[in-house]
């Protein structure tokens, strides 16, 4: 089949142009400090667990649903 026999199949699909929704990062933005802050917040989130919560957390880490203490957090997001 060619475009001559099936002109509808050969139409070019046009999509609207993509716009950028990101704002530029400020010049003083430190991505490593941002990651450290995320790690600190993550550690705080899982601190102070009672025994049952700690067991549940340990099971989720063992199952791979949550990153462990020595793993990077980026893979979990």
C-alpha atoms as a PDB file:
ATOM      1  CA  UNK A   1       0.000   0.000   0.000  1.00  0.00           C
ATOM      2  CA  UNK A   2       1.189   3.459  -0.815  1.00  0.00           C
ATOM      3  CA  UNK A   3       0.114   6.960   0.009  1.00  0.00           C
ATOM      4  CA  UNK A   4      -1.534   7.093  -3.405  1.00  0.00           C
ATOM      5  CA  UNK A   5      -3.867   4.214  -2.519  1.00  0.00           C
ATOM      6  CA  UNK A   6      -4.320   5.097   1.140  1.00  0.00           C
ATOM      7  CA  UNK A   7      -3.870   8.855   1.559  1.00  0.00           C
ATOM      8  CA  UNK A   8      -5.459   8.895   4.998  1.00  0.00           C
ATOM      9  CA  UNK A   9      -2.772   6.549   6.354  1.00  0.00           C
ATOM     10  CA  UNK A  10      -0.010   8.883   5.172  1.00  0.00           C
ATOM     11  CA  UNK A  11      -1.172  12.059   6.858  1.00  0.00           C
ATOM     12  CA  UNK A  12       1.404  13.697   9.038  1.00  0.00           C
ATOM     13  CA  UNK A  13       0.268  13.996  12.600  1.00  0.00           C
ATOM     14  CA  UNK A  14       1.121  17.342  14.029  1.00  0.00           C
ATOM     15  CA  UNK A  15       1.513  17.823  17.729  1.00  0.00           C
ATOM     16  CA  UNK A  16       1.563  21.148  19.516  1.00  0.00           C
ATOM     17  CA  UNK A  17       5.010  22.426  20.508  1.00  0.00           C
ATOM     18  CA  UNK A  18       6.159  21.445  23.961  1.00  0.00           C
ATOM     19  CA  UNK A  19       6.606  24.197  26.460  1.00  0.00           C
ATOM     20  CA  UNK A  20       9.104  24.207  29.257  1.00  0.00           C
ATOM     21  CA  UNK A  21       7.475  24.295  32.666  1.00  0.00           C
ATOM     22  CA  UNK A  22      10.769  24.367  34.555  1.00  0.00           C
ATOM     23  CA  UNK A  23      12.064  27.544  35.967  1.00  0.00           C
ATOM     24  CA  UNK A  24      15.801  28.014  35.821  1.00  0.00           C
ATOM     25  CA  UNK A  25      17.724  27.091  38.943  1.00  0.00           C
ATOM     26  CA  UNK A  26      19.126  29.961  40.942  1.00  0.00           C
ATOM     27  CA  UNK A  27      22.858  30.525  40.559  1.00  0.00           C
ATOM     28  CA  UNK A  28      23.510  29.650  44.202  1.00  0.00           C
ATOM     29  CA  UNK A  29      21.566  26.360  44.126  1.00  0.00           C
ATOM     30  CA  UNK A  30      23.643  23.455  45.431  1.00  0.00           C
ATOM     31  CA  UNK A  31      22.264  20.092  44.249  1.00  0.00           C
ATOM     32  CA  UNK A  32      24.459  18.136  46.657  1.00  0.00           C
ATOM     33  CA  UNK A  33      23.122  20.137  49.599  1.00  0.00           C
ATOM     34  CA  UNK A  34      19.595  19.453  48.341  1.00  0.00           C
ATOM     35  CA  UNK A  35      20.309  15.707  48.253  1.00  0.00           C
ATOM     36  CA  UNK A  36      21.820  15.816  51.741  1.00  0.00           C
ATOM     37  CA  UNK A  37      18.687  17.598  52.941  1.00  0.00           C
ATOM     38  CA  UNK A  38      16.523  14.897  51.389  1.00  0.00           C
ATOM     39  CA  UNK A  39      18.589  12.189  53.094  1.00  0.00           C
ATOM     40  CA  UNK A  40      18.245  13.984  56.432  1.00  0.00           C
ATOM     41  CA  UNK A  41      14.478  14.272  55.968  1.00  0.00           C
ATOM     42  CA  UNK A  42      14.283  10.590  55.002  1.00  0.00           C
ATOM     43  CA  UNK A  43      16.260   9.583  58.117  1.00  0.00           C
ATOM     44  CA  UNK A  44      14.006  11.737  60.284  1.00  0.00           C
ATOM     45  CA  UNK A  45      10.901  10.190  58.736  1.00  0.00           C
ATOM     46  CA  UNK A  46      11.967   6.704  59.783  1.00  0.00           C
ATOM     47  CA  UNK A  47      13.467   7.591  63.167  1.00  0.00           C
ATOM     48  CA  UNK A  48      11.669   6.883  66.399  1.00  0.00           C
ATOM     49  CA  UNK A  49       9.752   3.867  65.143  1.00  0.00           C
ATOM     50  CA  UNK A  50       8.272   1.541  67.736  1.00  0.00           C
ATOM     51  CA  UNK A  51       9.147  -2.173  67.584  1.00  0.00           C
ATOM     52  CA  UNK A  52       6.270  -3.151  65.275  1.00  0.00           C
ATOM     53  CA  UNK A  53       6.912  -0.236  62.924  1.00  0.00           C
ATOM     54  CA  UNK A  54      10.627  -1.100  62.831  1.00  0.00           C
ATOM     55  CA  UNK A  55       9.832  -4.714  61.907  1.00  0.00           C
ATOM     56  CA  UNK A  56       7.551  -3.503  59.115  1.00  0.00           C
ATOM     57  CA  UNK A  57      10.226  -1.094  57.898  1.00  0.00           C
ATOM     58  CA  UNK A  58      12.848  -3.874  57.956  1.00  0.00           C
ATOM     59  CA  UNK A  59      10.542  -6.149  55.934  1.00  0.00           C
ATOM     60  CA  UNK A  60       9.951  -3.416  53.347  1.00  0.00           C
ATOM     61  CA  UNK A  61      13.704  -2.847  53.019  1.00  0.00           C
ATOM     62  CA  UNK A  62      14.322  -6.597  52.688  1.00  0.00           C
ATOM     63  CA  UNK A  63      11.632  -6.821  49.990  1.00  0.00           C
ATOM     64  CA  UNK A  64      13.224  -3.949  48.081  1.00  0.00           C
ATOM     65  CA  UNK A  65      10.232  -1.640  48.510  1.00  0.00           C
ATOM     66  CA  UNK A  66      12.333   0.876  50.471  1.00  0.00           C
ATOM     67  CA  UNK A  67      16.047   1.594  50.155  1.00  0.00           C
ATOM     68  CA  UNK A  68      18.285   0.472  52.993  1.00  0.00           C
ATOM     69  CA  UNK A  69      20.522   2.741  55.027  1.00  0.00           C
ATOM     70  CA  UNK A  70      23.543   2.274  52.744  1.00  0.00           C
ATOM     71  CA  UNK A  71      21.647   2.557  49.448  1.00  0.00           C
ATOM     72  CA  UNK A  72      21.040   5.787  47.605  1.00  0.00           C
ATOM     73  CA  UNK A  73      17.601   7.295  47.849  1.00  0.00           C
ATOM     74  CA  UNK A  74      17.439   8.366  44.199  1.00  0.00           C
ATOM     75  CA  UNK A  75      16.676   4.822  43.060  1.00  0.00           C
ATOM     76  CA  UNK A  76      13.630   4.700  45.322  1.00  0.00           C
ATOM     77  CA  UNK A  77      12.007   7.840  43.927  1.00  0.00           C
END
